[in-house]
Amino acid sequence: MYVYDEYDQKIVDERVSQYRDQTLRYLDGKLSEEQFLPLRLQNGLYVQRLAPMLRVAVPYGLLNSHQLRKVAQLSRDYDKGYVHISTRQNIQFNWPALAEVPDMLAELATVQMHAIQTSGNCIRNTTTDQYAGVATDELEDPRPWCEIIRQWSTLHPEFAFLPRKFKIAVCGSDEDRAAIHAHDIGIELVRNNEEESGLRILVGGGLGRTPVIGVEICDFLEPSHLLTYLEAILRVYNQHGRRDNKYKARIKILVKAMGIAAFREAVEQEWKSLKGGASTLTQNEIDRAKSFFTEPAYAKLDAAETAATLNSQCKIDLIFANWVKRNTVAHRVSGYRIVNISLKATGYAPGDITDTQLELIADLADKYSFGEVRTTHQQNLVLADVEQTQLKDLWHSLQKAGLATANIGYLTDMICCPGGDYCSLANAKSIPVAEAIQSRFDDMDYVYDLGPLELNVSGCMNACGHHHIGHIGILGVDKKGQEFYQVSLGGHQGKDASIGKILGPSFKQDDMPEVIDKLLTTFVGLRQQEETFLETYRRVGIGPFKERVYA
């Protein structure tokens, strides 16, 4: 993973010092609320319903065990002993005292972490596949490209005050685990007919009040031109994006208003002055970025022998076998598996993890996965490099800590924003709805029989829970001061991405488990052979589901 050089460290340390002074001036009454607002947002601090919320950057979801222990310690010393994993792979503290945030940032800086550009109208954390570098379906490791974008975009003076927040995601695999079609810019690593590596660029995607699937603006970009082309897109957006209405300020609105052909032409015109300029990537710079993501010291394992050992263990312990089947994924190196750690145990807020659990995972990462941990878009954690023969011992440790829920990719592994319990923007609570659904569907045999199913919950139209691209999406809405929930069906984040279609009138909170039950019962009655929920929905449409739920 990338390690700060002296310049990085200096920049982060200076930012902490600046923000400490700004906070003191605000608390002394020398800065107004209006003056302090952009300053705290630039440092990742929101003022939520009950307390401030500090969002810490986790570049492309990659952490080492030292950083994880620091997060655990800060959650204990400055918060309430837990943190939340966001869908942008960042970490959120929900209860810090405003006056103590500079101290937290200073401590984070000691382990090369910060909160810069985790909020505000700027380029946010670039996200990618949680299996990057180890996935069996990977064309190329996307992390070096994320790091190049991170270095270019962090504190970029031209893009510090964009019309609205801006999000970029990169995918380097056959399966899109980064949701590139739902981003302001999506980047897919591709190869042409001559087997040359390049970049496919999508633009104008996004969720929120106006959900849009991104469209292709460039089918094959030479890698050396990545930053100049991104800069051209950002310049067109910065110049022409709406600033008079925040609901129409995202690039998706501009692309739709101009049309992709006109937008592409504007970008091409802007690019003429940038192409071949100072931001053009040399091969040396590309190689430098790739050098940060070297292969760890994998053991030379006998594939047949390790597979036989694992199979034997699975036959003896069926509960362990089930966890291996549901929560581990094939690794590109023989004898290893990718391990998903579910943060979706029933009765706990999805995506939350305690200080003691964080410290345990840091220890397990050191012992089993080269000291590395990854956060995921689905609000879980990953140990990417675990020897198959060590899975049983790892599982025992996770089991004791309540971290061995075998539900990755299934109904109860739902994405859920903090909602009205925390967020001042929310129209309704998200967590109680998620917990009620988890409790209703506690028969895991039934859940497994349903097959892969993505259920996403958002507390408001900002769509932090990505409800628009859930196979089943739930959106909290306000009806004359009452909390109701709107349901959508058919969303998908993959390369054949789709926006869910609203089922109909919204429902009361207490009705939600029953509504989901009716949807699932309808699916089970309609599916053919091994169809997934999404496949059945796409075949039969929304009609049968609507008829059953509103009967």
Protein backbone atom coordinates (compact mmCIF):
# COMPACT_ATOMS: atom_id res chain seq x y z
CA MET A 1 0.00 0.00 0.00
CA TYR A 2 1.02 3.61 -0.46
CA VAL A 3 3.25 5.07 2.27
CA TYR A 4 3.53 8.83 2.84
CA ASP A 5 6.72 10.60 1.85
CA GLU A 6 7.96 13.66 3.75
CA TYR A 7 5.84 16.00 1.62
CA ASP A 8 2.63 14.08 2.27
CA GLN A 9 3.27 14.07 5.99
CA LYS A 10 4.03 17.78 6.01
CA ILE A 11 0.82 18.61 4.17
CA VAL A 12 -1.30 16.56 6.56
CA ASP A 13 0.46 17.95 9.66
CA GLU A 14 0.02 21.51 8.42
CA ARG A 15 -3.67 20.89 7.74
CA VAL A 16 -4.12 19.69 11.34
CA SER A 17 -2.42 22.84 12.63
CA GLN A 18 -4.57 25.07 10.44
CA TYR A 19 -7.76 23.38 11.50
CA ARG A 20 -6.82 23.52 15.18
CA ASP A 21 -6.45 27.29 14.87
CA GLN A 22 -9.74 27.58 12.95
CA THR A 23 -11.58 25.56 15.59
CA LEU A 24 -10.19 27.65 18.44
CA ARG A 25 -11.20 30.85 16.67
CA TYR A 26 -14.69 29.50 16.10
CA LEU A 27 -15.07 28.46 19.75
CA ASP A 28 -13.81 31.90 20.82
CA GLY A 29 -16.47 33.57 18.70
CA LYS A 30 -13.97 35.00 16.20
CA LEU A 31 -15.40 32.95 13.33
CA SER A 32 -19.13 32.85 12.61
CA GLU A 33 -21.02 29.63 11.94
CA GLU A 34 -21.17 30.59 8.27
CA GLN A 35 -17.41 31.17 8.12
CA PHE A 36 -16.61 27.96 9.99
CA LEU A 37 -18.91 25.74 7.90
CA PRO A 38 -16.67 25.34 4.81
CA LEU A 39 -13.59 25.01 7.03
CA ARG A 40 -14.96 22.08 9.02
CA LEU A 41 -16.39 20.43 5.91
CA GLN A 42 -12.98 20.55 4.26
CA ASN A 43 -11.75 18.57 7.26
CA GLY A 44 -14.46 15.95 7.23
CA LEU A 45 -16.61 17.29 10.07
CA TYR A 46 -20.40 17.38 9.85
CA VAL A 47 -22.81 18.57 12.53
CA GLN A 48 -25.42 15.83 12.76
CA ARG A 49 -28.67 15.40 14.63
CA LEU A 50 -27.15 14.67 18.05
CA ALA A 51 -23.42 15.30 17.72
CA PRO A 52 -20.69 16.07 15.19
CA MET A 53 -19.66 13.30 12.81
CA LEU A 54 -16.05 12.96 11.64
CA ARG A 55 -15.49 11.10 8.38
CA VAL A 56 -11.96 9.75 7.95
CA ALA A 57 -10.54 8.98 4.51
CA VAL A 58 -9.59 5.40 3.70
CA PRO A 59 -8.10 5.68 0.19
CA TYR A 60 -9.64 2.97 -2.01
CA GLY A 61 -10.52 1.08 1.20
CA LEU A 62 -6.97 0.06 2.14
CA LEU A 63 -5.73 0.04 5.77
CA ASN A 64 -2.87 -1.50 7.67
CA SER A 65 -3.16 -2.98 11.15
CA HIS A 66 -1.46 0.02 12.81
CA GLN A 67 -4.06 2.34 11.34
CA LEU A 68 -6.88 0.06 12.43
CA ARG A 69 -5.58 0.04 16.01
CA LYS A 70 -5.39 3.83 15.98
CA VAL A 71 -9.01 4.04 14.82
CA ALA A 72 -9.99 1.68 17.65
CA GLN A 73 -8.11 3.74 20.23
CA LEU A 74 -9.68 7.01 19.00
CA SER A 75 -13.15 5.50 19.11
CA ARG A 76 -12.54 4.58 22.74
CA ASP A 77 -10.86 7.83 23.81
CA TYR A 78 -12.95 10.36 21.90
CA ASP A 79 -16.16 8.57 20.92
CA LYS A 80 -18.44 5.81 22.21
CA GLY A 81 -16.29 2.82 21.37
CA TYR A 82 -17.42 2.05 17.84
CA VAL A 83 -17.17 3.39 14.28
CA HIS A 84 -19.21 3.08 11.08
CA ILE A 85 -17.98 1.91 7.67
CA SER A 86 -19.46 4.03 4.86
CA THR A 87 -20.31 3.03 1.30
CA ARG A 88 -17.33 5.12 0.10
CA GLN A 89 -15.09 2.78 2.11
CA ASN A 90 -14.42 5.53 4.68
CA ILE A 91 -14.66 5.37 8.48
CA GLN A 92 -17.04 7.56 10.47
CA PHE A 93 -16.93 8.60 14.13
CA ASN A 94 -20.46 9.48 15.23
CA TRP A 95 -19.93 11.17 18.59
CA PRO A 96 -16.74 13.29 18.72
CA ALA A 97 -16.71 16.57 20.64
CA LEU A 98 -16.13 19.44 18.24
CA ALA A 99 -13.31 20.89 20.37
CA GLU A 100 -11.48 17.55 20.39
CA VAL A 101 -11.56 16.90 16.65
CA PRO A 102 -8.18 18.64 16.05
CA ASP A 103 -6.63 16.26 18.60
CA MET A 104 -8.17 13.29 16.77
CA LEU A 105 -6.83 14.54 13.45
CA ALA A 106 -3.37 15.01 14.98
CA GLU A 107 -3.38 11.42 16.19
CA LEU A 108 -4.61 10.15 12.84
CA ALA A 109 -1.75 11.97 11.15
CA THR A 110 0.73 9.87 13.15
CA VAL A 111 -0.45 6.79 11.22
CA GLN A 112 -0.79 8.54 7.85
CA MET A 113 -4.54 9.14 7.97
CA HIS A 114 -6.63 12.27 7.59
CA ALA A 115 -10.15 13.56 6.87
CA ILE A 116 -9.28 15.87 3.97
CA GLN A 117 -11.95 16.01 1.22
CA THR A 118 -14.27 13.53 2.86
CA SER A 119 -16.97 16.20 2.66
CA GLY A 120 -17.63 19.47 0.85
CA ASN A 121 -17.97 20.23 -2.85
CA CYS A 122 -14.74 18.64 -3.92
CA ILE A 123 -13.41 15.35 -5.32
CA ARG A 124 -14.16 12.74 -2.67
CA ASN A 125 -12.41 9.47 -1.86
CA THR A 126 -11.81 7.42 -5.01
CA THR A 127 -13.22 3.92 -4.47
CA THR A 128 -12.58 0.55 -6.07
CA ASP A 129 -13.01 -3.21 -5.82
CA GLN A 130 -12.36 -4.60 -2.35
CA TYR A 131 -10.67 -7.60 -4.00
CA ALA A 132 -8.27 -5.47 -6.05
CA GLY A 133 -4.97 -7.20 -6.75
CA VAL A 134 -6.16 -10.66 -5.70
CA ALA A 135 -9.39 -11.26 -7.64
CA THR A 136 -9.45 -14.14 -10.10
CA ASP A 137 -11.46 -12.11 -12.65
CA GLU A 138 -9.14 -9.11 -12.61
CA LEU A 139 -7.73 -7.67 -15.82
CA GLU A 140 -5.44 -5.25 -13.97
CA ASP A 141 -5.01 -4.00 -10.42
CA PRO A 142 -7.01 -0.73 -10.20
CA ARG A 143 -5.32 0.53 -7.02
CA PRO A 144 -2.35 2.26 -8.70
CA TRP A 145 -4.82 4.26 -10.80
CA CYS A 146 -6.78 5.16 -7.66
CA GLU A 147 -3.58 6.34 -6.04
CA ILE A 148 -2.67 8.45 -9.07
CA ILE A 149 -6.12 10.06 -8.93
CA ARG A 150 -5.83 10.56 -5.16
CA GLN A 151 -2.50 12.38 -5.45
CA TRP A 152 -3.79 14.53 -8.30
CA SER A 153 -7.12 15.42 -6.70
CA THR A 154 -6.11 16.00 -3.07
CA LEU A 155 -6.05 19.75 -2.39
CA HIS A 156 -6.25 20.48 -6.13
CA PRO A 157 -6.74 24.27 -6.08
CA GLU A 158 -8.94 24.40 -9.17
CA PHE A 159 -11.41 21.82 -7.89
CA ALA A 160 -11.71 22.75 -4.21
CA PHE A 161 -15.10 24.43 -4.68
CA LEU A 162 -16.98 22.56 -7.36
CA PRO A 163 -20.70 23.11 -7.96
CA ARG A 164 -21.30 19.95 -5.92
CA LYS A 165 -19.49 16.93 -4.45
CA PHE A 166 -17.74 14.72 -6.99
CA LYS A 167 -17.17 10.97 -6.85
CA ILE A 168 -14.90 8.71 -8.92
CA ALA A 169 -14.69 4.89 -8.91
CA VAL A 170 -12.34 2.51 -10.74
CA CYS A 171 -12.99 -1.10 -11.82
CA GLY A 172 -10.36 -3.52 -13.10
CA SER A 173 -12.30 -6.78 -13.12
CA ASP A 174 -14.97 -8.61 -15.12
CA GLU A 175 -17.48 -8.09 -12.32
CA ASP A 176 -18.03 -4.49 -11.31
CA ARG A 177 -17.71 -4.44 -7.52
CA ALA A 178 -17.11 -0.66 -7.48
CA ALA A 179 -20.47 0.51 -8.93
CA ILE A 180 -18.75 2.63 -11.59
CA HIS A 181 -22.03 3.35 -13.41
CA ALA A 182 -23.41 5.17 -10.35
CA HIS A 183 -20.54 7.69 -10.10
CA ASP A 184 -19.85 11.14 -11.47
CA ILE A 185 -16.95 9.49 -13.29
CA GLY A 186 -16.55 5.74 -13.63
CA ILE A 187 -13.31 4.25 -14.95
CA GLU A 188 -13.03 0.72 -16.32
CA LEU A 189 -9.66 -0.83 -17.13
CA VAL A 190 -9.94 -2.46 -20.57
CA ARG A 191 -7.90 -3.86 -23.45
CA ASN A 192 -8.35 -3.21 -27.16
CA ASN A 193 -8.14 -5.67 -30.04
CA GLU A 194 -4.34 -5.38 -29.98
CA GLU A 195 -4.33 -6.34 -26.28
CA GLU A 196 -3.16 -2.85 -25.33
CA SER A 197 -4.26 -1.59 -21.91
CA GLY A 198 -6.54 1.41 -21.76
CA LEU A 199 -9.31 3.13 -19.84
CA ARG A 200 -13.02 3.31 -20.61
CA ILE A 201 -14.51 6.47 -19.13
CA LEU A 202 -18.12 6.87 -18.01
CA VAL A 203 -19.57 10.20 -16.94
CA GLY A 204 -22.74 11.60 -15.43
CA GLY A 205 -23.78 8.75 -13.18
CA GLY A 206 -25.06 9.27 -9.66
CA LEU A 207 -27.84 8.56 -7.21
CA GLY A 208 -29.57 11.03 -4.88
CA ARG A 209 -32.63 13.02 -5.87
CA THR A 210 -32.16 12.29 -9.58
CA PRO A 211 -30.65 8.79 -10.05
CA VAL A 212 -28.84 8.34 -13.35
CA ILE A 213 -26.73 5.57 -14.88
CA GLY A 214 -23.47 6.95 -16.24
CA VAL A 215 -22.86 7.02 -19.99
CA GLU A 216 -19.72 6.34 -21.97
CA ILE A 217 -17.77 9.42 -22.97
CA CYS A 218 -14.60 7.64 -24.11
CA ASP A 219 -14.37 3.96 -25.07
CA PHE A 220 -10.56 3.73 -24.96
CA LEU A 221 -8.24 6.29 -23.41
CA GLU A 222 -4.50 5.79 -23.40
CA PRO A 223 -3.40 5.52 -19.75
CA SER A 224 -0.92 8.40 -20.03
CA HIS A 225 -3.83 10.78 -20.66
CA LEU A 226 -5.91 9.82 -17.61
CA LEU A 227 -5.33 12.98 -15.56
CA THR A 228 -5.53 15.43 -18.44
CA TYR A 229 -8.83 13.88 -19.57
CA LEU A 230 -10.24 13.92 -16.04
CA GLU A 231 -9.13 17.52 -15.72
CA ALA A 232 -10.93 18.41 -18.95
CA ILE A 233 -14.15 16.83 -17.64
CA LEU A 234 -13.83 18.63 -14.31
CA ARG A 235 -13.17 21.97 -16.01
CA VAL A 236 -16.28 21.70 -18.18
CA TYR A 237 -18.29 20.80 -15.10
CA ASN A 238 -16.74 23.55 -12.99
CA GLN A 239 -17.49 26.16 -15.64
CA HIS A 240 -20.98 25.07 -16.65
CA GLY A 241 -22.43 23.16 -13.68
CA ARG A 242 -25.38 24.76 -11.90
CA ARG A 243 -24.49 26.75 -8.78
CA ASP A 244 -27.86 28.40 -8.25
CA ASN A 245 -29.63 25.21 -7.19
CA LYS A 246 -27.84 22.46 -5.25
CA TYR A 247 -30.41 19.91 -6.38
CA LYS A 248 -29.38 20.51 -9.99
CA ALA A 249 -25.67 21.00 -9.39
CA ARG A 250 -24.32 17.48 -9.97
CA ILE A 251 -22.55 16.68 -13.23
CA LYS A 252 -25.31 14.21 -14.14
CA ILE A 253 -27.69 17.16 -14.56
CA LEU A 254 -25.23 19.00 -16.81
CA VAL A 255 -24.60 15.91 -18.96
CA LYS A 256 -28.32 15.31 -19.33
CA ALA A 257 -29.01 18.96 -20.16
CA MET A 258 -26.25 19.19 -22.77
CA GLY A 259 -26.57 15.66 -24.09
CA ILE A 260 -23.60 13.31 -24.13
CA ALA A 261 -22.51 14.30 -27.65
CA ALA A 262 -22.33 18.01 -26.82
CA PHE A 263 -20.74 17.31 -23.46
CA ARG A 264 -18.12 15.09 -25.09
CA GLU A 265 -17.36 17.82 -27.63
CA ALA A 266 -16.92 20.40 -24.84
CA VAL A 267 -14.55 18.04 -23.05
CA GLU A 268 -12.58 17.37 -26.23
CA GLN A 269 -12.20 21.12 -26.81
CA GLU A 270 -10.98 21.64 -23.24
CA TRP A 271 -8.68 18.65 -23.54
CA LYS A 272 -6.85 20.16 -26.52
CA SER A 273 -5.09 22.64 -24.22
CA LEU A 274 -4.28 19.96 -21.63
CA LYS A 275 -3.33 16.90 -23.69
CA GLY A 276 0.40 16.36 -23.60
CA GLY A 277 0.79 18.97 -20.86
CA ALA A 278 2.22 18.85 -17.35
CA SER A 279 -0.37 16.36 -16.06
CA THR A 280 0.40 13.78 -18.74
CA LEU A 281 1.52 10.58 -17.05
CA THR A 282 4.93 9.25 -17.96
CA GLN A 283 5.64 5.54 -17.83
CA ASN A 284 8.00 6.22 -14.93
CA GLU A 285 5.16 7.82 -12.95
CA ILE A 286 2.79 4.96 -13.75
CA ASP A 287 5.46 2.46 -12.70
CA ARG A 288 6.08 4.45 -9.51
CA ALA A 289 2.41 4.19 -8.58
CA LYS A 290 2.36 0.48 -9.34
CA SER A 291 5.44 -0.05 -7.16
CA PHE A 292 3.39 0.77 -4.05
CA PHE A 293 1.22 -2.31 -4.62
CA THR A 294 3.74 -5.10 -4.67
CA GLU A 295 2.84 -8.73 -4.15
CA PRO A 296 3.27 -9.89 -0.54
CA ALA A 297 5.53 -12.79 0.35
CA TYR A 298 3.07 -15.55 -0.51
CA ALA A 299 4.03 -19.03 0.61
CA LYS A 300 4.51 -21.63 -2.09
CA LEU A 301 1.61 -23.90 -1.32
CA ASP A 302 0.55 -27.15 -2.90
CA ALA A 303 -2.88 -26.39 -4.32
CA ALA A 304 -4.12 -29.98 -4.15
CA GLU A 305 -2.85 -30.49 -0.62
CA THR A 306 -4.33 -27.27 0.79
CA ALA A 307 -7.65 -27.93 -0.97
CA ALA A 308 -7.76 -31.45 0.48
CA THR A 309 -7.09 -30.12 4.00
CA LEU A 310 -9.83 -27.51 3.69
CA ASN A 311 -12.31 -30.01 2.28
CA SER A 312 -11.60 -32.37 5.14
CA GLN A 313 -12.18 -29.63 7.71
CA CYS A 314 -15.42 -28.64 6.00
CA LYS A 315 -16.72 -32.21 6.06
CA ILE A 316 -16.06 -32.47 9.79
CA ASP A 317 -17.57 -29.04 10.70
CA LEU A 318 -20.61 -28.06 8.63
CA ILE A 319 -20.96 -24.65 10.28
CA PHE A 320 -17.39 -23.81 9.31
CA ALA A 321 -18.07 -25.20 5.82
CA ASN A 322 -21.03 -22.89 5.45
CA TRP A 323 -18.95 -19.86 6.45
CA VAL A 324 -16.26 -20.81 3.93
CA LYS A 325 -18.89 -21.15 1.21
CA ARG A 326 -20.66 -17.87 1.98
CA ASN A 327 -17.88 -15.57 3.20
CA THR A 328 -14.72 -16.56 1.35
CA VAL A 329 -13.83 -16.05 -2.29
CA ALA A 330 -11.32 -17.63 -4.67
CA HIS A 331 -7.85 -16.03 -4.69
CA ARG A 332 -5.61 -15.72 -7.73
CA VAL A 333 -2.74 -17.40 -5.80
CA SER A 334 -3.06 -21.14 -5.21
CA GLY A 335 -3.64 -22.10 -1.58
CA TYR A 336 -5.13 -18.75 -0.52
CA ARG A 337 -8.67 -17.41 -0.06
CA ILE A 338 -10.15 -13.92 0.25
CA VAL A 339 -12.09 -13.60 3.52
CA ASN A 340 -15.09 -11.31 3.95
CA ILE A 341 -15.87 -10.26 7.52
CA SER A 342 -19.57 -9.47 7.79
CA LEU A 343 -20.58 -6.45 9.85
CA LYS A 344 -24.24 -7.41 9.50
CA ALA A 345 -25.03 -9.54 12.52
CA THR A 346 -28.70 -9.38 13.47
CA GLY A 347 -29.37 -6.86 16.23
CA TYR A 348 -26.48 -4.56 15.31
CA ALA A 349 -26.48 -1.51 13.07
CA PRO A 350 -25.17 -2.58 9.64
CA GLY A 351 -21.61 -1.38 9.07
CA ASP A 352 -20.83 -0.65 12.74
CA ILE A 353 -17.84 -2.21 14.50
CA THR A 354 -16.56 -1.83 18.06
CA ASP A 355 -13.11 -0.83 19.28
CA THR A 356 -12.37 -4.33 20.59
CA GLN A 357 -13.47 -5.91 17.33
CA LEU A 358 -11.24 -3.51 15.40
CA GLU A 359 -8.26 -4.43 17.55
CA LEU A 360 -8.98 -8.13 17.10
CA ILE A 361 -9.15 -7.74 13.32
CA ALA A 362 -5.85 -5.83 13.39
CA ASP A 363 -4.29 -8.77 15.26
CA LEU A 364 -5.83 -11.27 12.84
CA ALA A 365 -4.58 -9.23 9.87
CA ASP A 366 -1.05 -9.39 11.26
CA LYS A 367 -1.33 -13.10 11.87
CA TYR A 368 -3.11 -14.22 8.72
CA SER A 369 -3.12 -11.50 6.02
CA PHE A 370 0.19 -9.60 5.90
CA GLY A 371 -1.11 -6.86 8.22
CA GLU A 372 -3.62 -5.51 5.69
CA VAL A 373 -7.38 -4.87 6.01
CA ARG A 374 -9.85 -3.54 3.46
CA THR A 375 -13.16 -1.74 3.86
CA THR A 376 -15.89 -2.43 1.33
CA HIS A 377 -18.61 -0.59 -0.54
CA GLN A 378 -21.02 -3.03 1.15
CA GLN A 379 -19.90 -1.80 4.62
CA ASN A 380 -17.95 -4.93 5.52
CA LEU A 381 -14.25 -5.74 5.98
CA VAL A 382 -11.90 -8.01 4.02
CA LEU A 383 -8.75 -9.94 4.82
CA ALA A 384 -7.49 -10.48 1.29
CA ASP A 385 -4.64 -12.98 1.65
CA VAL A 386 -5.43 -15.89 3.98
CA GLU A 387 -3.92 -19.35 3.56
CA GLN A 388 -6.62 -21.98 3.19
CA THR A 389 -5.11 -24.10 5.92
CA GLN A 390 -5.45 -21.16 8.35
CA LEU A 391 -9.12 -20.45 7.64
CA LYS A 392 -10.37 -22.68 10.47
CA ASP A 393 -8.30 -20.89 13.14
CA LEU A 394 -9.29 -17.50 11.74
CA TRP A 395 -12.95 -18.49 11.77
CA HIS A 396 -12.78 -19.57 15.41
CA SER A 397 -11.41 -16.15 16.37
CA LEU A 398 -14.06 -14.31 14.36
CA GLN A 399 -16.79 -16.51 15.81
CA LYS A 400 -15.83 -15.63 19.38
CA ALA A 401 -16.02 -11.91 18.51
CA GLY A 402 -19.41 -12.09 16.80
CA LEU A 403 -17.86 -11.48 13.40
CA ALA A 404 -18.56 -14.79 11.65
CA THR A 405 -22.08 -14.14 10.35
CA ALA A 406 -22.23 -16.17 7.12
CA ASN A 407 -24.37 -13.88 4.98
CA ILE A 408 -22.13 -12.07 2.48
CA GLY A 409 -24.16 -11.24 -0.62
CA TYR A 410 -27.48 -12.37 0.84
CA LEU A 411 -30.60 -10.61 2.08
CA THR A 412 -29.36 -9.75 5.58
CA ASP A 413 -26.05 -8.37 4.28
CA MET A 414 -27.81 -5.11 3.56
CA ILE A 415 -26.35 -1.66 2.94
CA CYS A 416 -27.82 0.84 5.39
CA CYS A 417 -27.04 4.51 6.01
CA PRO A 418 -27.08 5.85 9.62
CA GLY A 419 -30.44 7.49 8.88
CA GLY A 420 -32.55 9.53 11.26
CA ASP A 421 -30.87 8.13 14.37
CA TYR A 422 -27.85 10.29 13.51
CA CYS A 423 -28.12 12.29 10.30
CA SER A 424 -29.74 15.73 10.33
CA LEU A 425 -30.65 15.35 6.64
CA ALA A 426 -32.60 12.12 7.06
CA ASN A 427 -36.37 12.01 6.65
CA ALA A 428 -36.67 8.69 8.47
CA LYS A 429 -34.73 6.13 10.48
CA SER A 430 -32.86 3.43 8.57
CA ILE A 431 -31.31 1.25 11.26
CA PRO A 432 -34.58 0.08 12.92
CA VAL A 433 -35.95 -0.96 9.52
CA ALA A 434 -32.79 -2.92 8.73
CA GLU A 435 -32.83 -4.60 12.13
CA ALA A 436 -36.53 -5.50 11.82
CA ILE A 437 -35.90 -7.14 8.44
CA GLN A 438 -32.86 -9.01 9.77
CA SER A 439 -34.92 -10.28 12.71
CA ARG A 440 -37.83 -11.33 10.49
CA PHE A 441 -35.58 -13.33 8.18
CA ASP A 442 -33.43 -15.16 10.73
CA ASP A 443 -33.88 -18.55 9.07
CA MET A 444 -30.62 -18.66 7.14
CA ASP A 445 -31.63 -21.74 5.15
CA TYR A 446 -34.46 -19.65 3.69
CA VAL A 447 -32.12 -16.72 3.12
CA TYR A 448 -29.63 -18.94 1.29
CA ASP A 449 -32.42 -20.45 -0.80
CA LEU A 450 -33.31 -16.96 -2.01
CA GLY A 451 -29.84 -16.70 -3.52
CA PRO A 452 -27.83 -13.50 -4.02
CA LEU A 453 -29.98 -10.52 -3.09
CA GLU A 454 -29.00 -6.91 -2.46
CA LEU A 455 -31.25 -4.89 -0.16
CA ASN A 456 -30.21 -1.26 0.36
CA VAL A 457 -31.74 1.23 2.82
CA SER A 458 -31.50 5.04 2.72
CA GLY A 459 -32.98 7.51 5.19
CA CYS A 460 -33.42 10.27 2.61
CA MET A 461 -33.09 11.16 -1.08
CA ASN A 462 -29.35 11.77 -0.74
CA ALA A 463 -29.18 7.96 -1.14
CA CYS A 464 -26.17 7.28 1.09
CA GLY A 465 -27.57 3.75 1.37
CA HIS A 466 -27.60 3.40 -2.44
CA HIS A 467 -31.23 2.29 -2.44
CA HIS A 468 -31.61 3.09 -6.15
CA ILE A 469 -29.22 0.28 -7.15
CA GLY A 470 -30.40 -2.35 -4.68
CA HIS A 471 -32.33 -5.33 -6.04
CA ILE A 472 -34.74 -4.15 -3.37
CA GLY A 473 -34.35 -0.53 -2.32
CA ILE A 474 -35.94 1.16 0.68
CA LEU A 475 -36.14 4.95 0.99
CA GLY A 476 -37.30 6.82 4.07
CA VAL A 477 -39.74 9.64 3.23
CA ASP A 478 -41.57 12.23 5.28
CA LYS A 479 -45.36 12.43 5.10
CA LYS A 480 -46.66 15.34 7.13
CA GLY A 481 -44.18 14.68 9.90
CA GLN A 482 -44.61 10.91 9.82
CA GLU A 483 -41.91 8.43 8.75
CA PHE A 484 -42.85 6.28 5.76
CA TYR A 485 -40.84 4.04 3.45
CA GLN A 486 -40.88 3.82 -0.33
CA VAL A 487 -39.82 0.56 -1.98
CA SER A 488 -38.13 0.15 -5.36
CA LEU A 489 -37.27 -3.01 -7.29
CA GLY A 490 -34.79 -4.01 -9.96
CA GLY A 491 -31.80 -1.85 -9.19
CA HIS A 492 -28.32 -3.19 -9.87
CA GLN A 493 -24.76 -1.87 -9.52
CA GLY A 494 -22.96 -4.17 -11.99
CA LYS A 495 -21.85 -3.60 -15.57
CA ASP A 496 -25.48 -4.06 -16.67
CA ALA A 497 -26.46 -1.43 -14.10
CA SER A 498 -30.04 -0.33 -13.59
CA ILE A 499 -32.04 2.06 -11.42
CA GLY A 500 -34.81 0.49 -9.39
CA LYS A 501 -38.44 1.23 -10.24
CA ILE A 502 -40.73 2.52 -7.48
CA LEU A 503 -43.23 -0.13 -6.43
CA GLY A 504 -46.01 2.26 -5.44
CA PRO A 505 -47.27 4.20 -2.40
CA SER A 506 -45.04 4.13 0.67
CA PHE A 507 -45.47 2.05 3.83
CA LYS A 508 -45.34 2.57 7.58
CA GLN A 509 -42.21 1.40 9.41
CA ASP A 510 -44.01 -1.44 11.19
CA ASP A 511 -45.23 -2.79 7.86
CA MET A 512 -41.81 -3.11 6.24
CA PRO A 513 -40.93 -6.71 7.28
CA GLU A 514 -44.30 -7.90 5.97
CA VAL A 515 -43.84 -5.98 2.71
CA ILE A 516 -40.45 -7.59 2.17
CA ASP A 517 -41.92 -10.99 3.00
CA LYS A 518 -44.60 -10.56 0.32
CA LEU A 519 -41.97 -9.52 -2.25
CA LEU A 520 -39.83 -12.54 -1.48
CA THR A 521 -42.78 -14.94 -1.47
CA THR A 522 -43.78 -13.59 -4.87
CA PHE A 523 -40.24 -14.10 -6.15
CA VAL A 524 -40.07 -17.69 -4.89
CA GLY A 525 -43.36 -18.47 -6.62
CA LEU A 526 -42.24 -16.94 -9.92
CA ARG A 527 -38.61 -17.92 -10.27
CA GLN A 528 -37.52 -20.52 -12.75
CA GLN A 529 -34.84 -23.06 -11.79
CA GLU A 530 -31.83 -21.19 -10.32
CA GLU A 531 -32.93 -17.66 -11.16
CA THR A 532 -31.85 -14.85 -8.84
CA PHE A 533 -34.27 -12.22 -7.60
CA LEU A 534 -32.93 -9.73 -10.16
CA GLU A 535 -33.23 -12.21 -13.03
CA THR A 536 -36.82 -13.02 -12.13
CA TYR A 537 -37.70 -9.35 -11.78
CA ARG A 538 -36.19 -8.54 -15.16
CA ARG A 539 -38.13 -11.38 -16.75
CA VAL A 540 -41.58 -10.72 -15.26
CA GLY A 541 -41.43 -7.01 -14.47
CA ILE A 542 -42.83 -5.13 -11.50
CA GLY A 543 -46.48 -6.04 -12.04
CA PRO A 544 -46.73 -9.33 -10.11
CA PHE A 545 -44.84 -7.88 -7.15
CA LYS A 546 -47.04 -4.80 -7.04
CA GLU A 547 -50.20 -6.86 -7.28
CA ARG A 548 -49.20 -9.08 -4.36
CA VAL A 549 -48.01 -6.30 -2.04
CA TYR A 550 -51.02 -4.01 -2.54
CA ALA A 551 -53.65 -6.76 -2.77
